[in-house]
Amino acid sequence: DVSFQIRRGEIFGLVGESGSGKSTVARCAMNIYRPQSSKILYRGLDTGDRVVVRRNRELLRTTRQIIFQDSASSLNQRMKVVDIVTEPMKLAHRKPERGNFRAEAEYQLQYVGLDAACLDKYPSELSAGQRQRTVLAAALVTKPEILLLDEPLCSLDIGLRVEMRTQMAMLFRRLGITVFYVTHDPAEAFFMADRVVIMK
């Protein structure tokens, strides 16, 4: 019995305690899980229909991005930051706007608050905050229409969490991107989001 709409350009918050089903709902919305019965519409496409998903795979892959709570497991430990950030562009066969992939990666890192010194580092050489910013840069590099964040700050200490949520809220509003923000923390949701739905 879950029903909601996310409006274009808004930051939508989904809040719930552990076990309430918020991450399951979010993963269904992004086609990671397939619900047994429901209708999930994106751009008028029923993403619960396998045929529709197959026909529109490229659109769904490039216009939607997701960030999970554990940035360490989301990053390929054998890749340098410069390659991690630009890999989504390469997979989507997009040319870098700034001439080459390294220049593009440097620009994207600056956008999320990292400097060029991180470009040639591996994830293991980064702090938790730097890893999460790297994940954010990689998610934004293809300019997605909608970004899902599933507990993106819960692994960070309280000071860094407050700093990052402030920066992310400003960044998302400046970009005008649609954000689906999932968290167990009501204060975080009410700070970040334009509208909040609470699951029990």
Protein backbone atom coordinates (compact mmCIF):
# COMPACT_ATOMS: atom_id res chain seq x y z
CA ASP A 1 0.00 0.00 0.00
CA VAL A 2 2.70 2.47 -0.99
CA SER A 3 1.81 5.18 -3.49
CA PHE A 4 3.54 8.47 -4.24
CA GLN A 5 4.71 10.72 -7.05
CA ILE A 6 8.02 12.50 -7.43
CA ARG A 7 7.80 15.78 -9.29
CA ARG A 8 10.39 16.86 -11.80
CA GLY A 9 13.11 18.98 -10.19
CA GLU A 10 12.17 18.33 -6.56
CA ILE A 11 14.05 16.67 -3.74
CA PHE A 12 11.71 13.97 -2.45
CA GLY A 13 12.41 12.40 0.94
CA LEU A 14 11.41 8.89 1.99
CA VAL A 15 11.89 8.28 5.71
CA GLY A 16 11.46 5.11 7.71
CA GLU A 17 12.96 3.01 10.46
CA SER A 18 15.16 0.03 9.63
CA GLY A 19 12.98 -2.73 8.23
CA SER A 20 10.12 -0.45 7.17
CA GLY A 21 10.75 -1.20 3.49
CA LYS A 22 12.04 2.16 2.28
CA SER A 23 15.15 0.76 0.59
CA THR A 24 13.07 -2.01 -1.00
CA VAL A 25 10.68 0.58 -2.45
CA ALA A 26 13.60 2.63 -3.73
CA ARG A 27 15.28 -0.38 -5.35
CA CYS A 28 12.03 -1.40 -6.99
CA ALA A 29 11.75 2.11 -8.42
CA MET A 30 15.22 1.73 -9.94
CA ASN A 31 14.61 -1.81 -11.30
CA ILE A 32 17.11 -3.42 -8.95
CA TYR A 33 14.26 -5.45 -7.43
CA ARG A 34 11.21 -6.57 -9.35
CA PRO A 35 7.99 -6.19 -7.34
CA GLN A 36 5.44 -9.01 -7.50
CA SER A 37 2.59 -6.60 -8.09
CA SER A 38 2.68 -2.87 -8.67
CA LYS A 39 2.98 -0.21 -11.32
CA ILE A 40 6.01 2.06 -11.36
CA LEU A 41 5.96 4.73 -14.03
CA TYR A 42 8.93 6.75 -15.21
CA ARG A 43 8.39 9.15 -18.11
CA GLY A 44 5.15 7.30 -18.75
CA LEU A 45 7.00 3.97 -19.09
CA ASP A 46 5.92 1.06 -16.91
CA THR A 47 9.30 -0.01 -15.55
CA GLY A 48 7.77 -3.13 -14.01
CA ASP A 49 7.22 -4.47 -17.52
CA ARG A 50 10.29 -6.44 -18.66
CA VAL A 51 9.58 -5.80 -22.33
CA VAL A 52 9.34 -2.04 -21.75
CA VAL A 53 12.57 -2.09 -19.74
CA ARG A 54 14.37 -4.07 -22.42
CA ARG A 55 13.24 -1.70 -25.18
CA ASN A 56 14.24 1.37 -23.18
CA ARG A 57 17.35 0.03 -21.43
CA GLU A 58 19.67 2.80 -22.67
CA LEU A 59 17.27 5.58 -21.63
CA LEU A 60 16.72 4.07 -18.19
CA ARG A 61 20.44 3.47 -17.65
CA THR A 62 21.58 6.97 -18.59
CA THR A 63 18.81 9.15 -17.13
CA ARG A 64 18.72 7.50 -13.69
CA GLN A 65 21.57 7.05 -11.23
CA ILE A 66 21.79 5.60 -7.73
CA ILE A 67 24.10 6.11 -4.77
CA PHE A 68 24.21 3.52 -1.98
CA GLN A 69 25.17 4.04 1.65
CA ASP A 70 28.46 2.12 1.53
CA SER A 71 30.73 4.06 -0.81
CA ALA A 72 33.65 1.67 -0.19
CA SER A 73 31.82 -1.29 -1.75
CA SER A 74 30.41 0.89 -4.56
CA LEU A 75 33.86 1.76 -5.86
CA ASN A 76 36.15 -0.48 -7.88
CA GLN A 77 39.23 -0.70 -5.65
CA ARG A 78 41.49 -1.33 -8.66
CA MET A 79 40.50 1.84 -10.48
CA LYS A 80 41.81 5.34 -9.91
CA VAL A 81 39.37 8.15 -9.17
CA VAL A 82 39.84 9.67 -12.64
CA ASP A 83 38.61 6.41 -14.21
CA ILE A 84 35.81 5.85 -11.70
CA VAL A 85 34.33 9.29 -12.34
CA THR A 86 34.48 9.07 -16.14
CA GLU A 87 33.48 5.41 -16.54
CA PRO A 88 29.72 6.21 -16.77
CA MET A 89 30.44 8.58 -19.67
CA LYS A 90 32.45 5.92 -21.47
CA LEU A 91 29.72 3.31 -20.98
CA ALA A 92 27.16 5.77 -22.36
CA HIS A 93 29.48 6.62 -25.30
CA ARG A 94 29.48 10.31 -24.41
CA LYS A 95 32.27 12.65 -25.35
CA PRO A 96 33.70 14.81 -22.55
CA GLU A 97 32.59 18.43 -22.78
CA ARG A 98 35.97 19.63 -21.55
CA GLY A 99 38.09 18.06 -24.29
CA ASN A 100 39.34 14.91 -22.57
CA PHE A 101 38.25 12.56 -19.81
CA ARG A 102 40.85 13.72 -17.30
CA ALA A 103 39.77 17.36 -17.63
CA GLU A 104 36.15 16.24 -17.28
CA ALA A 105 36.93 14.25 -14.13
CA GLU A 106 38.77 17.20 -12.60
CA TYR A 107 35.79 19.49 -13.31
CA GLN A 108 33.32 17.02 -11.79
CA LEU A 109 35.47 16.60 -8.66
CA GLN A 110 35.59 20.35 -8.12
CA TYR A 111 31.81 20.39 -8.41
CA VAL A 112 31.50 18.05 -5.40
CA GLY A 113 34.27 19.66 -3.34
CA LEU A 114 37.36 17.60 -4.23
CA ASP A 115 40.56 18.88 -5.80
CA ALA A 116 42.66 17.46 -8.64
CA ALA A 117 45.05 15.79 -6.18
CA CYS A 118 42.48 12.97 -5.81
CA LEU A 119 42.43 12.09 -9.51
CA ASP A 120 45.24 9.52 -9.36
CA LYS A 121 44.33 8.01 -6.01
CA TYR A 122 42.69 4.66 -5.41
CA PRO A 123 39.57 4.39 -3.19
CA SER A 124 41.64 2.87 -0.37
CA GLU A 125 43.67 6.10 -0.24
CA LEU A 126 40.59 8.27 0.26
CA SER A 127 38.74 9.19 3.43
CA ALA A 128 35.08 8.14 3.83
CA GLY A 129 33.95 11.64 2.88
CA GLN A 130 36.19 11.71 -0.20
CA ARG A 131 34.88 8.33 -1.31
CA GLN A 132 31.28 9.48 -1.01
CA ARG A 133 32.07 12.64 -2.99
CA THR A 134 33.72 10.50 -5.67
CA VAL A 135 30.59 8.35 -5.92
CA LEU A 136 28.50 11.53 -6.21
CA ALA A 137 30.73 12.90 -8.99
CA ALA A 138 30.45 9.62 -10.92
CA ALA A 139 26.67 9.65 -10.55
CA LEU A 140 26.34 13.22 -11.80
CA VAL A 141 28.81 13.05 -14.71
CA THR A 142 26.16 11.85 -17.20
CA LYS A 143 23.70 14.56 -16.06
CA PRO A 144 20.93 12.18 -14.99
CA GLU A 145 17.32 13.35 -14.73
CA ILE A 146 16.78 11.59 -11.43
CA LEU A 147 19.22 10.59 -8.70
CA LEU A 148 18.36 8.09 -5.98
CA LEU A 149 20.35 8.31 -2.76
CA ASP A 150 19.85 5.40 -0.34
CA GLU A 151 21.15 6.40 3.11
CA PRO A 152 24.13 8.18 1.51
CA LEU A 153 25.48 9.75 4.70
CA CYS A 154 24.88 7.14 7.39
CA SER A 155 28.46 5.81 7.29
CA LEU A 156 29.95 9.26 7.97
CA ASP A 157 30.61 10.88 11.34
CA ILE A 158 28.13 13.54 12.47
CA GLY A 159 30.27 16.57 11.57
CA LEU A 160 30.96 15.39 8.04
CA ARG A 161 27.34 14.31 7.64
CA VAL A 162 26.09 17.83 8.37
CA GLU A 163 28.67 19.37 6.03
CA MET A 164 27.88 17.00 3.16
CA ARG A 165 24.11 17.26 3.41
CA THR A 166 24.36 21.06 3.27
CA GLN A 167 26.62 20.92 0.20
CA MET A 168 24.46 18.30 -1.52
CA ALA A 169 21.25 20.25 -0.96
CA MET A 170 22.83 23.36 -2.50
CA LEU A 171 24.29 21.36 -5.40
CA PHE A 172 21.04 19.57 -6.25
CA ARG A 173 19.05 22.77 -6.22
CA ARG A 174 21.63 24.52 -8.38
CA LEU A 175 21.53 21.66 -10.90
CA GLY A 176 17.73 21.42 -10.81
CA ILE A 177 18.00 17.64 -10.66
CA THR A 178 15.20 15.40 -9.39
CA VAL A 179 16.32 13.61 -6.22
CA PHE A 180 14.81 10.59 -4.46
CA TYR A 181 16.39 10.76 -0.98
CA VAL A 182 16.02 7.74 1.33
CA THR A 183 17.00 7.98 4.99
CA HIS A 184 16.10 6.77 8.48
CA ASP A 185 16.81 10.24 9.91
CA PRO A 186 13.75 12.56 9.87
CA ALA A 187 15.89 15.64 10.58
CA GLU A 188 18.08 14.88 7.56
CA ALA A 189 15.04 14.34 5.34
CA PHE A 190 13.32 17.55 6.41
CA PHE A 191 16.55 19.49 5.86
CA MET A 192 17.17 18.04 2.39
CA ALA A 193 13.75 17.52 0.89
CA ASP A 194 10.94 19.65 -0.52
CA ARG A 195 8.42 16.94 0.42
CA VAL A 196 8.76 14.01 2.82
CA VAL A 197 6.88 10.72 3.01
CA ILE A 198 7.19 8.65 6.19
CA MET A 199 6.91 4.84 6.05
CA LYS A 200 5.95 2.85 9.11
